[in-house]
Every structure is written in structure tokens, then in C-alpha cells.
PDB file of N, CA and C in Angstrom:
ATOM      1  N   PRO A   1       0.830  -1.191   0.000  1.00  0.00           N
ATOM      2  CA  PRO A   1       0.000   0.000   0.000  1.00  0.00           C
ATOM      3  C   PRO A   1       0.864   1.240   0.000  1.00  0.00           C
ATOM      4  N   ASN A   2       0.336   2.291  -0.581  1.00  0.00           N
ATOM      5  CA  ASN A   2       1.080   3.536  -0.677  1.00  0.00           C
ATOM      6  C   ASN A   2       0.593   4.498   0.403  1.00  0.00           C
ATOM      7  N   THR A   3       0.911   4.193   1.665  1.00  0.00           N
ATOM      8  CA  THR A   3       0.538   5.022   2.797  1.00  0.00           C
ATOM      9  C   THR A   3       1.779   5.725   3.311  1.00  0.00           C
ATOM     10  N   PRO A   4       1.607   6.757   4.160  1.00  0.00           N
ATOM     11  CA  PRO A   4       2.790   7.432   4.711  1.00  0.00           C
ATOM     12  C   PRO A   4       3.725   6.458   5.418  1.00  0.00           C
ATOM     13  N   GLU A   5       3.164   5.418   6.055  1.00  0.00           N
ATOM     14  CA  GLU A   5       3.998   4.450   6.757  1.00  0.00           C
ATOM     15  C   GLU A   5       4.836   3.610   5.797  1.00  0.00           C
ATOM     16  N   SER A   6       4.355   3.444   4.561  1.00  0.00           N
ATOM     17  CA  SER A   6       5.066   2.582   3.616  1.00  0.00           C
ATOM     18  C   SER A   6       6.006   3.362   2.699  1.00  0.00           C
ATOM     19  N   ARG A   7       5.910   4.700   2.714  1.00  0.00           N
ATOM     20  CA  ARG A   7       6.791   5.518   1.880  1.00  0.00           C
ATOM     21  C   ARG A   7       7.975   5.979   2.717  1.00  0.00           C
ATOM     22  N   PRO A   8       9.132   5.419   2.485  1.00  0.00           N
ATOM     23  CA  PRO A   8      10.281   5.790   3.317  1.00  0.00           C
ATOM     24  C   PRO A   8      10.762   7.201   3.026  1.00  0.00           C
ATOM     25  N   THR A   9      11.188   7.880   4.077  1.00  0.00           N
ATOM     26  CA  THR A   9      11.820   9.187   3.926  1.00  0.00           C
ATOM     27  C   THR A   9      13.303   8.952   3.683  1.00  0.00           C
ATOM     28  N   ASN A  10      14.045  10.029   3.466  1.00  0.00           N
ATOM     29  CA  ASN A  10      15.495   9.901   3.294  1.00  0.00           C
ATOM     30  C   ASN A  10      16.135   9.224   4.490  1.00  0.00           C
ATOM     31  N   ARG A  11      15.664   9.536   5.690  1.00  0.00           N
ATOM     32  CA  ARG A  11      16.221   8.920   6.897  1.00  0.00           C
ATOM     33  C   ARG A  11      15.961   7.417   6.883  1.00  0.00           C
ATOM     34  N   HIS A  12      14.787   7.029   6.426  1.00  0.00           N
ATOM     35  CA  HIS A  12      14.470   5.606   6.386  1.00  0.00           C
ATOM     36  C   HIS A  12      15.334   4.889   5.346  1.00  0.00           C
ATOM     37  N   ARG A  13      15.578   5.561   4.238  1.00  0.00           N
ATOM     38  CA  ARG A  13      16.432   4.941   3.213  1.00  0.00           C
ATOM     39  C   ARG A  13      17.836   4.723   3.749  1.00  0.00           C
ATOM     40  N   ARG A  14      18.335   5.708   4.522  1.00  0.00           N
ATOM     41  CA  ARG A  14      19.670   5.555   5.098  1.00  0.00           C
ATOM     42  C   ARG A  14      19.711   4.390   6.076  1.00  0.00           C
ATOM     43  N   ALA A  15      18.604   4.155   6.750  1.00  0.00           N
ATOM     44  CA  ALA A  15      18.555   3.070   7.729  1.00  0.00           C
ATOM     45  C   ALA A  15      18.125   1.746   7.099  1.00  0.00           C
ATOM     46  N   SER A  16      17.783   1.763   5.815  1.00  0.00           N
ATOM     47  CA  SER A  16      17.199   0.572   5.207  1.00  0.00           C
ATOM     48  C   SER A  16      18.148  -0.618   5.171  1.00  0.00           C
ATOM     49  N   CYS A  17      19.428  -0.370   4.991  1.00  0.00           N
ATOM     50  CA  CYS A  17      20.371  -1.500   5.000  1.00  0.00           C
ATOM     51  C   CYS A  17      20.347  -2.195   6.345  1.00  0.00           C
ATOM     52  N   TRP A  18      20.305  -1.400   7.388  1.00  0.00           N
ATOM     53  CA  TRP A  18      20.269  -1.962   8.736  1.00  0.00           C
ATOM     54  C   TRP A  18      18.960  -2.711   8.991  1.00  0.00           C
ATOM     55  N   ALA A  19      17.857  -2.167   8.487  1.00  0.00           N
ATOM     56  CA  ALA A  19      16.547  -2.676   8.841  1.00  0.00           C
ATOM     57  C   ALA A  19      15.952  -3.631   7.809  1.00  0.00           C
ATOM     58  N   ARG A  20      16.690  -3.980   6.788  1.00  0.00           N
ATOM     59  CA  ARG A  20      16.147  -4.736   5.664  1.00  0.00           C
ATOM     60  C   ARG A  20      15.346  -5.960   6.107  1.00  0.00           C
ATOM     61  N   ASP A  21      15.866  -6.724   7.039  1.00  0.00           N
ATOM     62  CA  ASP A  21      15.199  -7.957   7.448  1.00  0.00           C
ATOM     63  C   ASP A  21      14.550  -7.844   8.821  1.00  0.00           C
ATOM     64  N   ALA A  22      14.280  -6.629   9.257  1.00  0.00           N
ATOM     65  CA  ALA A  22      13.799  -6.436  10.621  1.00  0.00           C
ATOM     66  C   ALA A  22      12.331  -6.785  10.808  1.00  0.00           C
ATOM     67  N   HIS A  23      11.566  -6.952   9.742  1.00  0.00           N
ATOM     68  CA  HIS A  23      10.153  -7.313   9.913  1.00  0.00           C
ATOM     69  C   HIS A  23       9.793  -8.379   8.878  1.00  0.00           C
ATOM     70  N   LEU A  24       9.933  -9.595   9.281  1.00  0.00           N
ATOM     71  CA  LEU A  24       9.606 -10.703   8.406  1.00  0.00           C
ATOM     72  C   LEU A  24       8.318 -11.357   8.884  1.00  0.00           C
ATOM     73  N   PRO A  25       7.499 -11.854   7.968  1.00  0.00           N
ATOM     74  CA  PRO A  25       6.213 -12.418   8.355  1.00  0.00           C
ATOM     75  C   PRO A  25       6.317 -13.560   9.361  1.00  0.00           C
ATOM     76  N   GLY A  26       7.382 -14.319   9.347  1.00  0.00           N
ATOM     77  CA  GLY A  26       7.509 -15.468  10.228  1.00  0.00           C
ATOM     78  C   GLY A  26       8.081 -15.155  11.598  1.00  0.00           C
ATOM     79  N   MET A  27       8.152 -13.892  11.962  1.00  0.00           N
ATOM     80  CA  MET A  27       8.730 -13.511  13.248  1.00  0.00           C
ATOM     81  C   MET A  27       7.823 -13.912  14.399  1.00  0.00           C
ATOM     82  N   SER A  28       8.444 -14.300  15.509  1.00  0.00           N
ATOM     83  CA  SER A  28       7.679 -14.512  16.728  1.00  0.00           C
ATOM     84  C   SER A  28       7.318 -13.146  17.303  1.00  0.00           C
ATOM     85  N   ASP A  29       6.414 -13.130  18.261  1.00  0.00           N
ATOM     86  CA  ASP A  29       6.035 -11.867  18.886  1.00  0.00           C
ATOM     87  C   ASP A  29       7.240 -11.215  19.559  1.00  0.00           C
ATOM     88  N   ARG A  30       8.084 -12.019  20.181  1.00  0.00           N
ATOM     89  CA  ARG A  30       9.272 -11.485  20.855  1.00  0.00           C
ATOM     90  C   ARG A  30      10.243 -10.885  19.836  1.00  0.00           C
ATOM     91  N   GLU A  31      10.436 -11.563  18.725  1.00  0.00           N
ATOM     92  CA  GLU A  31      11.319 -11.045  17.675  1.00  0.00           C
ATOM     93  C   GLU A  31      10.757  -9.742  17.099  1.00  0.00           C
ATOM     94  N   ARG A  32       9.443  -9.683  16.948  1.00  0.00           N
ATOM     95  CA  ARG A  32       8.807  -8.485  16.428  1.00  0.00           C
ATOM     96  C   ARG A  32       9.003  -7.321  17.410  1.00  0.00           C
ATOM     97  N   ALA A  33       8.817  -7.579  18.705  1.00  0.00           N
ATOM     98  CA  ALA A  33       9.018  -6.534  19.712  1.00  0.00           C
ATOM     99  C   ALA A  33      10.469  -6.055  19.698  1.00  0.00           C
ATOM    100  N   ASP A  34      11.414  -6.979  19.572  1.00  0.00           N
ATOM    101  CA  ASP A  34      12.833  -6.607  19.499  1.00  0.00           C
ATOM    102  C   ASP A  34      13.111  -5.755  18.261  1.00  0.00           C
ATOM    103  N   ALA A  35      12.518  -6.135  17.132  1.00  0.00           N
ATOM    104  CA  ALA A  35      12.720  -5.383  15.890  1.00  0.00           C
ATOM    105  C   ALA A  35      12.150  -3.977  16.010  1.00  0.00           C
ATOM    106  N   VAL A  36      10.988  -3.849  16.640  1.00  0.00           N
ATOM    107  CA  VAL A  36      10.377  -2.527  16.840  1.00  0.00           C
ATOM    108  C   VAL A  36      11.291  -1.672  17.708  1.00  0.00           C
ATOM    109  N   LEU A  37      11.798  -2.251  18.779  1.00  0.00           N
ATOM    110  CA  LEU A  37      12.692  -1.512  19.669  1.00  0.00           C
ATOM    111  C   LEU A  37      13.950  -1.062  18.924  1.00  0.00           C
ATOM    112  N   GLU A  38      14.466  -1.908  18.078  1.00  0.00           N
ATOM    113  CA  GLU A  38      15.643  -1.551  17.281  1.00  0.00           C
ATOM    114  C   GLU A  38      15.328  -0.418  16.302  1.00  0.00           C
ATOM    115  N   HIS A  39      14.145  -0.446  15.694  1.00  0.00           N
ATOM    116  CA  HIS A  39      13.751   0.633  14.779  1.00  0.00           C
ATOM    117  C   HIS A  39      13.676   1.961  15.525  1.00  0.00           C
ATOM    118  N   VAL A  40      13.057   1.946  16.698  1.00  0.00           N
ATOM    119  CA  VAL A  40      12.951   3.168  17.501  1.00  0.00           C
ATOM    120  C   VAL A  40      14.345   3.672  17.869  1.00  0.00           C
ATOM    121  N   ALA A  41      15.235   2.759  18.228  1.00  0.00           N
ATOM    122  CA  ALA A  41      16.593   3.153  18.611  1.00  0.00           C
ATOM    123  C   ALA A  41      17.325   3.832  17.452  1.00  0.00           C
ATOM    124  N   VAL A  42      17.188   3.297  16.260  1.00  0.00           N
ATOM    125  CA  VAL A  42      17.842   3.910  15.096  1.00  0.00           C
ATOM    126  C   VAL A  42      17.270   5.306  14.854  1.00  0.00           C
ATOM    127  N   LEU A  43      15.959   5.435  14.932  1.00  0.00           N
ATOM    128  CA  LEU A  43      15.339   6.742  14.704  1.00  0.00           C
ATOM    129  C   LEU A  43      15.744   7.743  15.791  1.00  0.00           C
ATOM    130  N   ALA A  44      15.853   7.269  17.031  1.00  0.00           N
ATOM    131  CA  ALA A  44      16.298   8.148  18.120  1.00  0.00           C
ATOM    132  C   ALA A  44      17.736   8.594  17.895  1.00  0.00           C
ATOM    133  N   PHE A  45      18.550   7.697  17.387  1.00  0.00           N
ATOM    134  CA  PHE A  45      19.941   8.032  17.099  1.00  0.00           C
ATOM    135  C   PHE A  45      20.034   9.105  16.016  1.00  0.00           C
ATOM    136  N   LEU A  46      19.156   9.038  15.023  1.00  0.00           N
ATOM    137  CA  LEU A  46      19.181   9.979  13.910  1.00  0.00           C
ATOM    138  C   LEU A  46      18.490  11.310  14.216  1.00  0.00           C
ATOM    139  N   TYR A  47      17.641  11.321  15.240  1.00  0.00           N
ATOM    140  CA  TYR A  47      16.869  12.526  15.572  1.00  0.00           C
ATOM    141  C   TYR A  47      17.734  13.548  16.307  1.00  0.00           C
ATOM    142  N   TYR A  48      17.453  14.810  16.065  1.00  0.00           N
ATOM    143  CA  TYR A  48      18.031  15.893  16.855  1.00  0.00           C
ATOM    144  C   TYR A  48      17.076  17.082  16.785  1.00  0.00           C
ATOM    145  N   PRO A  49      17.053  17.912  17.849  1.00  0.00           N
ATOM    146  CA  PRO A  49      16.180  19.092  17.813  1.00  0.00           C
ATOM    147  C   PRO A  49      16.532  19.969  16.615  1.00  0.00           C
ATOM    148  N   GLY A  50      15.524  20.377  15.891  1.00  0.00           N
ATOM    149  CA  GLY A  50      15.733  21.215  14.721  1.00  0.00           C
ATOM    150  C   GLY A  50      15.890  20.441  13.426  1.00  0.00           C
ATOM    151  N   ILE A  51      15.733  19.131  13.459  1.00  0.00           N
ATOM    152  CA  ILE A  51      15.882  18.335  12.234  1.00  0.00           C
ATOM    153  C   ILE A  51      14.891  18.783  11.168  1.00  0.00           C
ATOM    154  N   GLU A  52      13.713  19.246  11.609  1.00  0.00           N
ATOM    155  CA  GLU A  52      12.697  19.698  10.652  1.00  0.00           C
ATOM    156  C   GLU A  52      13.195  20.876   9.818  1.00  0.00           C
ATOM    157  N   LEU A  53      14.056  21.708  10.415  1.00  0.00           N
ATOM    158  CA  LEU A  53      14.603  22.855   9.681  1.00  0.00           C
ATOM    159  C   LEU A  53      15.665  22.404   8.685  1.00  0.00           C
ATOM    160  N   ASP A  54      16.480  21.426   9.076  1.00  0.00           N
ATOM    161  CA  ASP A  54      17.544  20.923   8.209  1.00  0.00           C
ATOM    162  C   ASP A  54      17.024  19.986   7.122  1.00  0.00           C
ATOM    163  N   ASP A  55      15.954  19.255   7.436  1.00  0.00           N
ATOM    164  CA  ASP A  55      15.395  18.277   6.501  1.00  0.00           C
ATOM    165  C   ASP A  55      13.884  18.484   6.441  1.00  0.00           C
ATOM    166  N   PRO A  56      13.408  19.339   5.527  1.00  0.00           N
ATOM    167  CA  PRO A  56      11.975  19.624   5.450  1.00  0.00           C
ATOM    168  C   PRO A  56      11.109  18.389   5.196  1.00  0.00           C
ATOM    169  N   SER A  57      11.684  17.317   4.707  1.00  0.00           N
ATOM    170  CA  SER A  57      10.902  16.096   4.476  1.00  0.00           C
ATOM    171  C   SER A  57      10.732  15.278   5.759  1.00  0.00           C
ATOM    172  N   TYR A  58      11.439  15.663   6.824  1.00  0.00           N
ATOM    173  CA  TYR A  58      11.351  14.898   8.068  1.00  0.00           C
ATOM    174  C   TYR A  58       9.974  15.051   8.701  1.00  0.00           C
ATOM    175  N   SER A  59       9.464  13.945   9.229  1.00  0.00           N
ATOM    176  CA  SER A  59       8.186  13.956   9.931  1.00  0.00           C
ATOM    177  C   SER A  59       8.248  12.945  11.070  1.00  0.00           C
ATOM    178  N   LEU A  60       8.091  13.426  12.290  1.00  0.00           N
ATOM    179  CA  LEU A  60       8.039  12.529  13.442  1.00  0.00           C
ATOM    180  C   LEU A  60       6.851  11.585  13.312  1.00  0.00           C
ATOM    181  N   VAL A  61       5.747  12.094  12.782  1.00  0.00           N
ATOM    182  CA  VAL A  61       4.554  11.255  12.575  1.00  0.00           C
ATOM    183  C   VAL A  61       4.886  10.090  11.645  1.00  0.00           C
ATOM    184  N   ASP A  62       5.648  10.350  10.576  1.00  0.00           N
ATOM    185  CA  ASP A  62       6.050   9.273   9.663  1.00  0.00           C
ATOM    186  C   ASP A  62       6.958   8.267  10.369  1.00  0.00           C
ATOM    187  N   ASP A  63       7.877   8.771  11.199  1.00  0.00           N
ATOM    188  CA  ASP A  63       8.759   7.868  11.942  1.00  0.00           C
ATOM    189  C   ASP A  63       7.955   6.975  12.874  1.00  0.00           C
ATOM    190  N   ILE A  64       6.987   7.559  13.558  1.00  0.00           N
ATOM    191  CA  ILE A  64       6.138   6.783  14.461  1.00  0.00           C
ATOM    192  C   ILE A  64       5.356   5.744  13.658  1.00  0.00           C
ATOM    193  N   GLY A  65       4.799   6.147  12.534  1.00  0.00           N
ATOM    194  CA  GLY A  65       4.055   5.217  11.678  1.00  0.00           C
ATOM    195  C   GLY A  65       4.927   4.087  11.179  1.00  0.00           C
ATOM    196  N   TRP A  66       6.179   4.402  10.861  1.00  0.00           N
ATOM    197  CA  TRP A  66       7.130   3.396  10.382  1.00  0.00           C
ATOM    198  C   TRP A  66       7.341   2.323  11.438  1.00  0.00           C
ATOM    199  N   CYS A  67       7.417   2.741  12.703  1.00  0.00           N
ATOM    200  CA  CYS A  67       7.575   1.784  13.802  1.00  0.00           C
ATOM    201  C   CYS A  67       6.266   1.049  14.096  1.00  0.00           C
ATOM    202  N   LEU A  68       5.163   1.773  14.089  1.00  0.00           N
ATOM    203  CA  LEU A  68       3.870   1.145  14.369  1.00  0.00           C
ATOM    204  C   LEU A  68       3.535   0.070  13.344  1.00  0.00           C
ATOM    205  N   ALA A  69       3.934   0.279  12.101  1.00  0.00           N
ATOM    206  CA  ALA A  69       3.655  -0.704  11.054  1.00  0.00           C
ATOM    207  C   ALA A  69       4.301  -2.046  11.377  1.00  0.00           C
ATOM    208  N   ARG A  70       5.366  -2.050  12.164  1.00  0.00           N
ATOM    209  CA  ARG A  70       6.067  -3.280  12.507  1.00  0.00           C
ATOM    210  C   ARG A  70       5.473  -3.994  13.711  1.00  0.00           C
ATOM    211  N   LEU A  71       4.524  -3.341  14.407  1.00  0.00           N
ATOM    212  CA  LEU A  71       3.918  -3.983  15.569  1.00  0.00           C
ATOM    213  C   LEU A  71       3.020  -5.145  15.186  1.00  0.00           C
ATOM    214  N   GLY A  72       2.447  -5.073  14.016  1.00  0.00           N
ATOM    215  CA  GLY A  72       1.511  -6.121  13.626  1.00  0.00           C
ATOM    216  C   GLY A  72       0.116  -5.800  14.136  1.00  0.00           C
ATOM    217  N   ASP A  73      -0.636  -6.830  14.455  1.00  0.00           N
ATOM    218  CA  ASP A  73      -2.037  -6.703  14.819  1.00  0.00           C
ATOM    219  C   ASP A  73      -2.183  -6.433  16.312  1.00  0.00           C
ATOM    220  N   VAL A  74      -2.364  -5.157  16.672  1.00  0.00           N
ATOM    221  CA  VAL A  74      -2.623  -4.771  18.056  1.00  0.00           C
ATOM    222  C   VAL A  74      -3.837  -3.855  18.080  1.00  0.00           C
ATOM    223  N   SER A  75      -4.445  -3.732  19.239  1.00  0.00           N
ATOM    224  CA  SER A  75      -5.648  -2.902  19.362  1.00  0.00           C
ATOM    225  C   SER A  75      -5.322  -1.438  19.104  1.00  0.00           C
ATOM    226  N   ASP A  76      -6.345  -0.681  18.756  1.00  0.00           N
ATOM    227  CA  ASP A  76      -6.170   0.757  18.528  1.00  0.00           C
ATOM    228  C   ASP A  76      -5.680   1.451  19.796  1.00  0.00           C
ATOM    229  N   THR A  77      -6.176   0.995  20.950  1.00  0.00           N
ATOM    230  CA  THR A  77      -5.763   1.580  22.227  1.00  0.00           C
ATOM    231  C   THR A  77      -4.276   1.363  22.454  1.00  0.00           C
ATOM    232  N   GLU A  78      -3.812   0.141  22.236  1.00  0.00           N
ATOM    233  CA  GLU A  78      -2.388  -0.155  22.405  1.00  0.00           C
ATOM    234  C   GLU A  78      -1.549   0.590  21.366  1.00  0.00           C
ATOM    235  N   ARG A  79      -2.046   0.657  20.148  1.00  0.00           N
ATOM    236  CA  ARG A  79      -1.325   1.360  19.076  1.00  0.00           C
ATOM    237  C   ARG A  79      -1.154   2.842  19.449  1.00  0.00           C
ATOM    238  N   GLU A  80      -2.192   3.461  19.988  1.00  0.00           N
ATOM    239  CA  GLU A  80      -2.113   4.860  20.389  1.00  0.00           C
ATOM    240  C   GLU A  80      -1.129   5.039  21.555  1.00  0.00           C
ATOM    241  N   ARG A  81      -1.217   4.159  22.529  1.00  0.00           N
ATOM    242  CA  ARG A  81      -0.329   4.241  23.697  1.00  0.00           C
ATOM    243  C   ARG A  81       1.128   4.047  23.295  1.00  0.00           C
ATOM    244  N   ILE A  82       1.394   3.021  22.489  1.00  0.00           N
ATOM    245  CA  ILE A  82       2.763   2.734  22.065  1.00  0.00           C
ATOM    246  C   ILE A  82       3.265   3.834  21.127  1.00  0.00           C
ATOM    247  N   GLY A  83       2.399   4.363  20.274  1.00  0.00           N
ATOM    248  CA  GLY A  83       2.790   5.459  19.383  1.00  0.00           C
ATOM    249  C   GLY A  83       3.267   6.680  20.159  1.00  0.00           C
ATOM    250  N   ALA A  84       2.566   7.010  21.238  1.00  0.00           N
ATOM    251  CA  ALA A  84       2.989   8.131  22.084  1.00  0.00           C
ATOM    252  C   ALA A  84       4.344   7.846  22.722  1.00  0.00           C
ATOM    253  N   LEU A  85       4.559   6.601  23.132  1.00  0.00           N
ATOM    254  CA  LEU A  85       5.863   6.222  23.686  1.00  0.00           C
ATOM    255  C   LEU A  85       6.955   6.299  22.623  1.00  0.00           C
ATOM    256  N   PHE A  86       6.636   5.889  21.387  1.00  0.00           N
ATOM    257  CA  PHE A  86       7.609   5.999  20.301  1.00  0.00           C
ATOM    258  C   PHE A  86       8.038   7.452  20.124  1.00  0.00           C
ATOM    259  N   ALA A  87       7.071   8.359  20.124  1.00  0.00           N
ATOM    260  CA  ALA A  87       7.379   9.775  19.937  1.00  0.00           C
ATOM    261  C   ALA A  87       8.331  10.254  21.025  1.00  0.00           C
ATOM    262  N   ARG A  88       8.034   9.914  22.260  1.00  0.00           N
ATOM    263  CA  ARG A  88       8.903  10.339  23.362  1.00  0.00           C
ATOM    264  C   ARG A  88      10.253   9.648  23.307  1.00  0.00           C
ATOM    265  N   ALA A  89      10.273   8.370  22.914  1.00  0.00           N
ATOM    266  CA  ALA A  89      11.540   7.630  22.857  1.00  0.00           C
ATOM    267  C   ALA A  89      12.436   8.142  21.735  1.00  0.00           C
ATOM    268  N   ILE A  90      11.857   8.582  20.648  1.00  0.00           N
ATOM    269  CA  ILE A  90      12.645   9.116  19.533  1.00  0.00           C
ATOM    270  C   ILE A  90      13.224  10.478  19.911  1.00  0.00           C
ATOM    271  N   THR A  91      12.431  11.317  20.565  1.00  0.00           N
ATOM    272  CA  THR A  91      12.876  12.681  20.854  1.00  0.00           C
ATOM    273  C   THR A  91      13.638  12.806  22.170  1.00  0.00           C
ATOM    274  N   ASP A  92      13.441  11.863  23.097  1.00  0.00           N
ATOM    275  CA  ASP A  92      14.143  11.896  24.384  1.00  0.00           C
ATOM    276  C   ASP A  92      14.352  10.463  24.873  1.00  0.00           C
ATOM    277  N   PRO A  93      15.236   9.725  24.218  1.00  0.00           N
ATOM    278  CA  PRO A  93      15.380   8.303  24.512  1.00  0.00           C
ATOM    279  C   PRO A  93      15.798   7.983  25.943  1.00  0.00           C
ATOM    280  N   THR A  94      16.632   8.794  26.537  1.00  0.00           N
ATOM    281  CA  THR A  94      17.098   8.496  27.888  1.00  0.00           C
ATOM    282  C   THR A  94      15.947   8.503  28.880  1.00  0.00           C
ATOM    283  N   ALA A  95      15.040   9.455  28.732  1.00  0.00           N
ATOM    284  CA  ALA A  95      13.921   9.576  29.660  1.00  0.00           C
ATOM    285  C   ALA A  95      12.851   8.513  29.451  1.00  0.00           C
ATOM    286  N   THR A  96      12.834   7.876  28.279  1.00  0.00           N
ATOM    287  CA  THR A  96      11.710   7.007  27.925  1.00  0.00           C
ATOM    288  C   THR A  96      12.093   5.542  27.735  1.00  0.00           C
ATOM    289  N   ARG A  97      13.370   5.236  27.667  1.00  0.00           N
ATOM    290  CA  ARG A  97      13.768   3.882  27.265  1.00  0.00           C
ATOM    291  C   ARG A  97      13.188   2.786  28.148  1.00  0.00           C
ATOM    292  N   GLU A  98      13.207   2.964  29.463  1.00  0.00           N
ATOM    293  CA  GLU A  98      12.695   1.913  30.353  1.00  0.00           C
ATOM    294  C   GLU A  98      11.189   1.735  30.188  1.00  0.00           C
ATOM    295  N   GLU A  99      10.477   2.843  30.089  1.00  0.00           N
ATOM    296  CA  GLU A  99       9.022   2.772  29.912  1.00  0.00           C
ATOM    297  C   GLU A  99       8.653   2.090  28.597  1.00  0.00           C
ATOM    298  N   LEU A 100       9.368   2.415  27.525  1.00  0.00           N
ATOM    299  CA  LEU A 100       9.092   1.793  26.230  1.00  0.00           C
ATOM    300  C   LEU A 100       9.408   0.303  26.272  1.00  0.00           C
ATOM    301  N   PHE A 101      10.543  -0.056  26.831  1.00  0.00           N
ATOM    302  CA  PHE A 101      10.908  -1.466  26.928  1.00  0.00           C
ATOM    303  C   PHE A 101       9.843  -2.237  27.707  1.00  0.00           C
ATOM    304  N   THR A 102       9.412  -1.694  28.843  1.00  0.00           N
ATOM    305  CA  THR A 102       8.386  -2.343  29.659  1.00  0.00           C
ATOM    306  C   THR A 102       7.087  -2.494  28.881  1.00  0.00           C
ATOM    307  N   ALA A 103       6.688  -1.446  28.159  1.00  0.00           N
ATOM    308  CA  ALA A 103       5.447  -1.498  27.373  1.00  0.00           C
ATOM    309  C   ALA A 103       5.529  -2.558  26.284  1.00  0.00           C
ATOM    310  N   LEU A 104       6.684  -2.673  25.620  1.00  0.00           N
ATOM    311  CA  LEU A 104       6.829  -3.681  24.571  1.00  0.00           C
ATOM    312  C   LEU A 104       6.825  -5.093  25.154  1.00  0.00           C
ATOM    313  N   VAL A 105       7.413  -5.272  26.329  1.00  0.00           N
ATOM    314  CA  VAL A 105       7.378  -6.586  26.993  1.00  0.00           C
ATOM    315  C   VAL A 105       5.945  -6.928  27.366  1.00  0.00           C
ATOM    316  N   GLU A 106       5.228  -5.954  27.928  1.00  0.00           N
ATOM    317  CA  GLU A 106       3.822  -6.185  28.279  1.00  0.00           C
ATOM    318  C   GLU A 106       3.007  -6.509  27.035  1.00  0.00           C
ATOM    319  N   LEU A 107       3.237  -5.777  25.952  1.00  0.00           N
ATOM    320  CA  LEU A 107       2.529  -6.030  24.699  1.00  0.00           C
ATOM    321  C   LEU A 107       2.869  -7.417  24.174  1.00  0.00           C
ATOM    322  N   ASP A 108       4.131  -7.808  24.268  1.00  0.00           N
ATOM    323  CA  ASP A 108       4.560  -9.135  23.860  1.00  0.00           C
ATOM    324  C   ASP A 108       3.804 -10.195  24.645  1.00  0.00           C
ATOM    325  N   CYS A 109       3.629  -9.985  25.947  1.00  0.00           N
ATOM    326  CA  CYS A 109       2.890 -10.936  26.771  1.00  0.00           C
ATOM    327  C   CYS A 109       1.422 -10.981  26.368  1.00  0.00           C
ATOM    328  N   LEU A 110       0.830  -9.827  26.078  1.00  0.00           N
ATOM    329  CA  LEU A 110      -0.565  -9.788  25.620  1.00  0.00           C
ATOM    330  C   LEU A 110      -0.730 -10.544  24.314  1.00  0.00           C
ATOM    331  N   LEU A 111       0.191 -10.328  23.375  1.00  0.00           N
ATOM    332  CA  LEU A 111       0.108 -11.008  22.086  1.00  0.00           C
ATOM    333  C   LEU A 111       0.279 -12.516  22.272  1.00  0.00           C
ATOM    334  N   ALA A 112       1.195 -12.924  23.133  1.00  0.00           N
ATOM    335  CA  ALA A 112       1.424 -14.334  23.373  1.00  0.00           C
ATOM    336  C   ALA A 112       0.179 -14.993  23.960  1.00  0.00           C
ATOM    337  N   VAL A 113      -0.499 -14.321  24.900  1.00  0.00           N
ATOM    338  CA  VAL A 113      -1.724 -14.842  25.504  1.00  0.00           C
ATOM    339  C   VAL A 113      -2.805 -14.939  24.452  1.00  0.00           C
ATOM    340  N   ASP A 114      -2.967 -13.888  23.622  1.00  0.00           N
ATOM    341  CA  ASP A 114      -3.988 -13.905  22.577  1.00  0.00           C
ATOM    342  C   ASP A 114      -3.772 -15.044  21.587  1.00  0.00           C
ATOM    343  N   HIS A 115      -2.543 -15.340  21.256  1.00  0.00           N
ATOM    344  CA  HIS A 115      -2.251 -16.374  20.262  1.00  0.00           C
ATOM    345  C   HIS A 115      -2.362 -17.784  20.816  1.00  0.00           C
ATOM    346  N   HIS A 116      -2.293 -17.932  22.133  1.00  0.00           N
ATOM    347  CA  HIS A 116      -2.289 -19.270  22.712  1.00  0.00           C
ATOM    348  C   HIS A 116      -3.599 -19.642  23.371  1.00  0.00           C
ATOM    349  N   GLU A 117      -4.590 -18.780  23.327  1.00  0.00           N
ATOM    350  CA  GLU A 117      -5.892 -19.119  23.919  1.00  0.00           C
ATOM    351  C   GLU A 117      -6.764 -19.815  22.928  1.00  0.00           C
TER     352      GLU A 117
END
């Protein structure tokens, strides 16, 4: 599909070599959570205040969508909650890393329960 989440920005293209195999259909929930965390980490590494001025094509919303697309099938409530954490983790990773990691572990547990019931 040709959605904002599927159209990579220049930053995504630069990270594409690293992320090429980060979301494969056969991934376990744990592998998917790890891949999402890695995507957020790369975006946080590339982010800096004022990037919008230096790169007019940059969009935090697109970065969040790029990560959310890798979550797979989660509820809208969880998607909104995790999306907000992605935004904070990209712009201030030190303050958010533990909370994001905990949320992804909790989400992983929810997905595991849903798949095994």
C-alpha cells in the first residue's frame, strides 16, 4: 500500500540496510518486539532538535508510523499508547527507554496470551 507508513523518507532509506530484514512475516512476537525496539533506537539516534529545519521532508509522525507498522495486529488503544511512547523515545530516549521497553514486553505478553488461547 502507498501510505505514509510505507513511503520511506530519506532517513528511512539511510537506515534501510540496517533494517532490511527487521520485519519478516515469520517472526515470533518477541522477535517483532525486538525489531520494533531496534527501529525506535535507530530513529532516536538519527533525531536531533531542529531536524525539521535541516530536513523539510522529516516527519516525526512518519517515523512513528514506520515503527507502528512493525507492531503487527494490536488494538487501537495499544497502538495509540505505544505510538505516544515511540514519539517520546525518539525525541528523548534516555527519559523514555525503560518505559518503552516495559510497554513492549507487556505487549509481547498480551500477544502471546492472545495467540495461545
